[in-house]
Amino acid sequence: MPKFAANLSMLWNELPFLDRFGAAARAGFQAVEFLFPYDFATEEIAHRLRENRLALVLHNMPPGDWAAGDRGTACIPGRETEFRTGVAQALDCAQALGVPQLHCMAGIAPAGVSEAQARATLVANLRHAAQAAREHGIRVLLEPINTFDMPGFFVSRPAQALAILDEVGSDNLFLQYDLYHAWRMGDDLARTLRTQLPRIAHMQLADSPGRHEPGTGDMDYRSLFDLIDELGYGGCIGCEYRPRDAGAGGTDVGLAWVAAHGQALQGEHA
């Protein structure tokens, strides 16, 4: 049965961020993920993880200036020093929080930067990040993100991401396979899972359309979970969706999808 991680950037948004750890534990999760830890004291996040008996399985490297539209800097020529500073910051957090893998957002190439320039910059930056992370036993992940939700994102298709991983050639660099993003871009999910599973270190889910819970859209998650079980995937699947009910308690009500799809959360928190 797949292991699920609660995405605390998306779930329980009616609560302050640090209170979402307890909500995830009470719901039965044993693992969590989120986008960025950098606005909070690392010691406080570590405390919330310990007191709720949760493992943090993933967070992102710094994305640049998110408010100004940055969605990662890895493909942007001229910002290599900023990128490397972010890698070091992410690794410091990862070591303090026991995180085994970091997501490197490729970014949106600025106007005037050719695809070849952006790709060369991304490859060089990923090579640096993978080498730095390897020294700490940490994996680096590259995620294709659909261009409907994030227009202009440089890496949008799994095949493109895999080709970039091949070019980088690092043994601790893996694909982060978000089933929702891949579906939106027309990927054959079952085929990719069957042929590329050894290169997938982390998965995420949401249904489409809407990016809500499984069962609210057109994706056949029951069959996908059966296939993931059949293939023996040992990583986590991050629940990175927006609850259809955005009000107080909506996340917990929406978790009825778990049992409805023949699944279970692994935690037994009182």
Protein backbone atom coordinates (compact mmCIF):
# COMPACT_ATOMS: atom_id res chain seq x y z
CA MET A 1 0.00 0.00 0.00
CA PRO A 2 1.44 3.43 -0.90
CA LYS A 3 2.78 5.64 1.88
CA PHE A 4 1.20 9.09 1.84
CA ALA A 5 2.74 12.37 3.02
CA ALA A 6 0.62 15.40 3.88
CA ASN A 7 1.67 18.51 1.99
CA LEU A 8 1.50 21.21 4.64
CA SER A 9 1.68 24.04 2.12
CA MET A 10 -1.64 22.90 0.62
CA LEU A 11 -3.59 21.19 3.42
CA TRP A 12 -5.12 22.70 6.59
CA ASN A 13 -4.63 26.21 5.27
CA GLU A 14 -7.09 27.56 7.84
CA LEU A 15 -4.37 26.88 10.46
CA PRO A 16 -1.05 28.66 11.02
CA PHE A 17 1.71 26.70 9.29
CA LEU A 18 3.31 25.33 12.46
CA ASP A 19 -0.05 24.04 13.72
CA ARG A 20 -0.52 21.94 10.59
CA PHE A 21 2.00 19.36 11.83
CA GLY A 22 -0.31 18.37 14.66
CA ALA A 23 -3.30 18.29 12.32
CA ALA A 24 -1.45 15.91 10.00
CA ALA A 25 -0.53 13.63 12.88
CA ARG A 26 -4.08 13.57 14.22
CA ALA A 27 -5.36 12.66 10.76
CA GLY A 28 -3.04 9.63 10.74
CA PHE A 29 -0.10 10.74 8.62
CA GLN A 30 3.39 9.65 9.54
CA ALA A 31 5.11 11.80 6.92
CA VAL A 32 4.84 15.38 5.70
CA GLU A 33 6.28 17.59 2.99
CA PHE A 34 6.02 21.30 2.22
CA LEU A 35 7.39 23.86 -0.18
CA PHE A 36 9.80 25.99 1.84
CA PRO A 37 11.09 26.04 5.45
CA TYR A 38 12.98 29.31 5.20
CA ASP A 39 10.48 31.66 6.87
CA PHE A 40 10.51 29.64 10.09
CA ALA A 41 13.14 28.74 12.67
CA THR A 42 14.58 25.35 11.80
CA GLU A 43 14.58 24.41 15.49
CA GLU A 44 10.82 25.06 15.71
CA ILE A 45 10.08 22.90 12.67
CA ALA A 46 12.27 20.14 14.10
CA HIS A 47 10.36 20.38 17.39
CA ARG A 48 6.99 20.06 15.63
CA LEU A 49 8.25 17.02 13.74
CA ARG A 50 9.50 15.34 16.92
CA GLU A 51 6.46 16.04 19.08
CA ASN A 52 4.12 14.72 16.39
CA ARG A 53 6.31 11.75 15.42
CA LEU A 54 6.47 12.85 11.81
CA ALA A 55 9.12 12.41 9.14
CA LEU A 56 9.79 15.27 6.73
CA VAL A 57 10.33 13.62 3.36
CA LEU A 58 10.76 16.62 1.05
CA HIS A 59 11.11 20.36 0.78
CA ASN A 60 12.23 22.69 -1.99
CA MET A 61 15.41 24.61 -2.51
CA PRO A 62 14.94 28.42 -2.35
CA PRO A 63 12.95 29.58 -5.40
CA GLY A 64 14.32 33.10 -5.77
CA ASP A 65 11.88 35.97 -5.29
CA TRP A 66 8.53 34.17 -5.29
CA ALA A 67 6.51 37.37 -4.88
CA ALA A 68 8.20 38.81 -7.98
CA GLY A 69 7.35 35.74 -10.04
CA ASP A 70 10.41 33.54 -9.60
CA ARG A 71 9.66 29.83 -9.61
CA GLY A 72 13.22 28.68 -9.15
CA THR A 73 16.46 30.06 -10.54
CA ALA A 74 18.19 26.92 -11.80
CA CYS A 75 17.66 27.65 -15.52
CA ILE A 76 18.39 31.40 -15.39
CA PRO A 77 21.80 32.51 -16.69
CA GLY A 78 23.52 35.10 -14.52
CA ARG A 79 22.01 33.90 -11.22
CA GLU A 80 24.36 31.00 -10.59
CA THR A 81 25.84 32.51 -7.43
CA GLU A 82 22.36 33.02 -5.98
CA PHE A 83 21.49 29.45 -6.91
CA ARG A 84 24.56 28.03 -5.17
CA THR A 85 23.85 30.06 -2.06
CA GLY A 86 20.35 28.58 -2.07
CA VAL A 87 21.71 25.06 -2.41
CA ALA A 88 23.86 25.57 0.67
CA GLN A 89 20.91 27.00 2.61
CA ALA A 90 18.68 24.09 1.60
CA LEU A 91 21.30 21.54 2.61
CA ASP A 92 21.71 23.18 6.03
CA CYS A 93 17.95 22.88 6.58
CA ALA A 94 17.82 19.35 5.22
CA GLN A 95 20.52 18.14 7.58
CA ALA A 96 18.89 19.79 10.58
CA LEU A 97 15.47 18.35 9.72
CA GLY A 98 16.58 14.90 8.55
CA VAL A 99 15.27 15.42 5.02
CA PRO A 100 16.54 12.79 2.54
CA GLN A 101 15.75 14.69 -0.67
CA LEU A 102 15.41 18.22 -2.00
CA HIS A 103 13.38 19.45 -4.94
CA CYS A 104 15.20 21.85 -7.26
CA MET A 105 12.68 24.00 -9.14
CA ALA A 106 13.91 24.57 -12.69
CA GLY A 107 12.37 28.01 -13.01
CA ILE A 108 10.97 30.16 -15.80
CA ALA A 109 13.49 31.32 -18.37
CA PRO A 110 13.38 35.11 -18.86
CA ALA A 111 12.60 36.68 -22.22
CA GLY A 112 15.66 36.74 -24.42
CA VAL A 113 17.17 33.55 -22.99
CA SER A 114 17.22 30.76 -25.55
CA GLU A 115 16.15 27.22 -24.75
CA ALA A 116 19.74 26.08 -25.26
CA GLN A 117 21.05 28.69 -22.82
CA ALA A 118 18.45 27.82 -20.21
CA ARG A 119 19.11 24.10 -20.55
CA ALA A 120 22.88 24.50 -20.29
CA THR A 121 22.46 26.64 -17.18
CA LEU A 122 20.06 24.13 -15.63
CA VAL A 123 22.38 21.20 -16.34
CA ALA A 124 25.36 22.97 -14.78
CA ASN A 125 23.36 24.03 -11.73
CA LEU A 126 21.90 20.56 -11.22
CA ARG A 127 25.37 19.06 -11.47
CA HIS A 128 26.57 21.42 -8.74
CA ALA A 129 23.53 20.74 -6.53
CA ALA A 130 23.84 16.97 -6.91
CA GLN A 131 27.53 17.03 -6.07
CA ALA A 132 26.98 19.19 -3.00
CA ALA A 133 24.06 17.03 -1.82
CA ARG A 134 25.93 13.77 -2.37
CA GLU A 135 28.41 14.73 0.35
CA HIS A 136 25.51 14.59 2.82
CA GLY A 137 23.75 11.51 1.41
CA ILE A 138 20.88 13.63 0.07
CA ARG A 139 19.08 13.20 -3.26
CA VAL A 140 18.18 16.06 -5.58
CA LEU A 141 14.89 15.88 -7.48
CA LEU A 142 13.74 17.55 -10.68
CA GLU A 143 9.98 17.93 -11.19
CA PRO A 144 8.16 18.68 -14.45
CA ILE A 145 5.39 21.21 -13.72
CA ASN A 146 2.52 21.72 -16.12
CA THR A 147 2.42 24.95 -18.08
CA PHE A 148 -1.31 25.50 -17.50
CA ASP A 149 -0.79 26.09 -13.78
CA MET A 150 2.67 27.61 -14.18
CA PRO A 151 3.03 29.21 -17.62
CA GLY A 152 6.56 29.23 -18.98
CA PHE A 153 7.98 26.72 -16.53
CA PHE A 154 11.08 25.38 -18.23
CA VAL A 155 10.71 21.67 -17.43
CA SER A 156 7.13 20.64 -18.12
CA ARG A 157 7.23 17.03 -19.35
CA PRO A 158 8.65 13.86 -17.78
CA ALA A 159 10.54 12.89 -20.94
CA GLN A 160 12.23 16.29 -20.97
CA ALA A 161 13.18 15.97 -17.31
CA LEU A 162 14.61 12.49 -17.82
CA ALA A 163 16.71 13.68 -20.75
CA ILE A 164 18.12 16.46 -18.56
CA LEU A 165 18.90 13.95 -15.80
CA ASP A 166 20.76 11.84 -18.37
CA GLU A 167 22.80 14.84 -19.43
CA VAL A 168 23.71 15.74 -15.85
CA GLY A 169 24.72 12.15 -15.13
CA SER A 170 24.60 12.21 -11.31
CA ASP A 171 23.65 9.07 -9.42
CA ASN A 172 21.78 11.00 -6.71
CA LEU A 173 19.59 12.95 -9.13
CA PHE A 174 16.05 11.63 -9.61
CA LEU A 175 12.66 12.45 -11.07
CA GLN A 176 9.93 13.91 -8.87
CA TYR A 177 6.82 12.58 -10.59
CA ASP A 178 3.70 14.57 -9.84
CA LEU A 179 0.83 12.56 -11.27
CA TYR A 180 -1.37 15.64 -11.58
CA HIS A 181 1.18 17.72 -13.48
CA ALA A 182 2.04 14.80 -15.76
CA TRP A 183 -1.64 14.11 -16.49
CA ARG A 184 -2.26 17.76 -17.35
CA MET A 185 0.56 17.60 -19.91
CA GLY A 186 -0.83 14.40 -21.48
CA ASP A 187 1.72 11.95 -20.12
CA ASP A 188 0.88 8.23 -20.17
CA LEU A 189 1.06 7.74 -16.41
CA ALA A 190 0.98 3.95 -16.41
CA ARG A 191 3.66 3.71 -19.07
CA THR A 192 5.97 6.13 -17.27
CA LEU A 193 5.51 4.29 -13.98
CA ARG A 194 6.23 0.93 -15.60
CA THR A 195 9.29 2.07 -17.52
CA GLN A 196 10.85 4.71 -15.27
CA LEU A 197 10.06 3.72 -11.69
CA PRO A 198 13.72 3.19 -10.67
CA ARG A 199 14.36 6.84 -11.57
CA ILE A 200 11.39 8.16 -9.54
CA ALA A 201 12.30 9.06 -5.96
CA HIS A 202 9.09 10.84 -5.00
CA MET A 203 5.52 11.16 -6.27
CA GLN A 204 2.74 13.64 -5.65
CA LEU A 205 -0.97 13.62 -6.41
CA ALA A 206 -4.05 15.70 -7.04
CA ASP A 207 -7.06 15.10 -9.26
CA SER A 208 -7.84 16.92 -12.48
CA PRO A 209 -9.60 19.20 -13.20
CA GLY A 210 -9.49 21.35 -10.09
CA ARG A 211 -6.38 20.04 -8.34
CA HIS A 212 -8.51 18.71 -5.51
CA GLU A 213 -8.68 15.34 -3.74
CA PRO A 214 -8.62 12.05 -5.66
CA GLY A 215 -12.17 11.23 -6.69
CA THR A 216 -13.12 14.81 -7.51
CA GLY A 217 -11.96 14.70 -11.12
CA ASP A 218 -11.27 12.41 -14.06
CA MET A 219 -8.11 10.58 -12.96
CA ASP A 220 -8.43 6.88 -12.13
CA TYR A 221 -6.52 6.89 -8.87
CA ARG A 222 -7.74 3.48 -7.74
CA SER A 223 -6.03 1.89 -10.75
CA LEU A 224 -2.94 4.04 -10.27
CA PHE A 225 -2.61 2.98 -6.64
CA ASP A 226 -3.00 -0.67 -7.67
CA LEU A 227 -0.26 -0.24 -10.27
CA ILE A 228 2.06 1.55 -7.85
CA ASP A 229 1.58 -1.35 -5.42
CA GLU A 230 2.18 -3.90 -8.16
CA LEU A 231 5.44 -2.21 -9.16
CA GLY A 232 6.72 -2.11 -5.59
CA TYR A 233 7.30 1.63 -5.25
CA GLY A 234 8.88 2.26 -1.86
CA GLY A 235 8.79 6.06 -1.63
CA CYS A 236 6.11 8.43 -0.46
CA ILE A 237 3.27 10.03 -2.40
CA GLY A 238 2.77 13.63 -1.37
CA CYS A 239 -0.83 14.80 -1.06
CA GLU A 240 -0.29 18.10 -2.84
CA TYR A 241 -3.85 19.13 -3.57
CA ARG A 242 -6.19 21.95 -2.66
CA PRO A 243 -9.07 20.62 -0.53
CA ARG A 244 -12.33 21.09 -2.39
CA ASP A 245 -13.79 22.42 0.87
CA ALA A 246 -11.43 25.28 1.73
CA GLY A 247 -13.16 26.07 5.00
CA ALA A 248 -12.26 25.05 8.53
CA GLY A 249 -12.25 21.26 8.77
CA GLY A 250 -12.38 20.85 4.99
CA THR A 251 -9.07 19.01 4.78
CA ASP A 252 -10.18 16.39 7.31
CA VAL A 253 -13.54 15.89 5.60
CA GLY A 254 -11.83 15.57 2.26
CA LEU A 255 -9.56 12.79 3.52
CA ALA A 256 -12.49 10.43 3.03
CA TRP A 257 -10.89 9.82 -0.39
CA VAL A 258 -8.29 7.59 1.28
CA ALA A 259 -10.71 4.87 2.38
CA ALA A 260 -12.87 5.38 -0.72
CA HIS A 261 -9.87 4.36 -2.83
CA GLY A 262 -9.07 1.31 -0.73
CA GLN A 263 -6.11 2.97 0.95
CA ALA A 264 -5.11 3.82 4.52
CA LEU A 265 -2.91 6.33 6.27
CA GLN A 266 -0.17 4.60 8.18
CA GLY A 267 -0.26 6.58 11.40
CA GLU A 268 -2.15 5.71 14.58
CA HIS A 269 -2.06 9.01 16.46
CA ALA A 270 -4.43 9.64 19.33
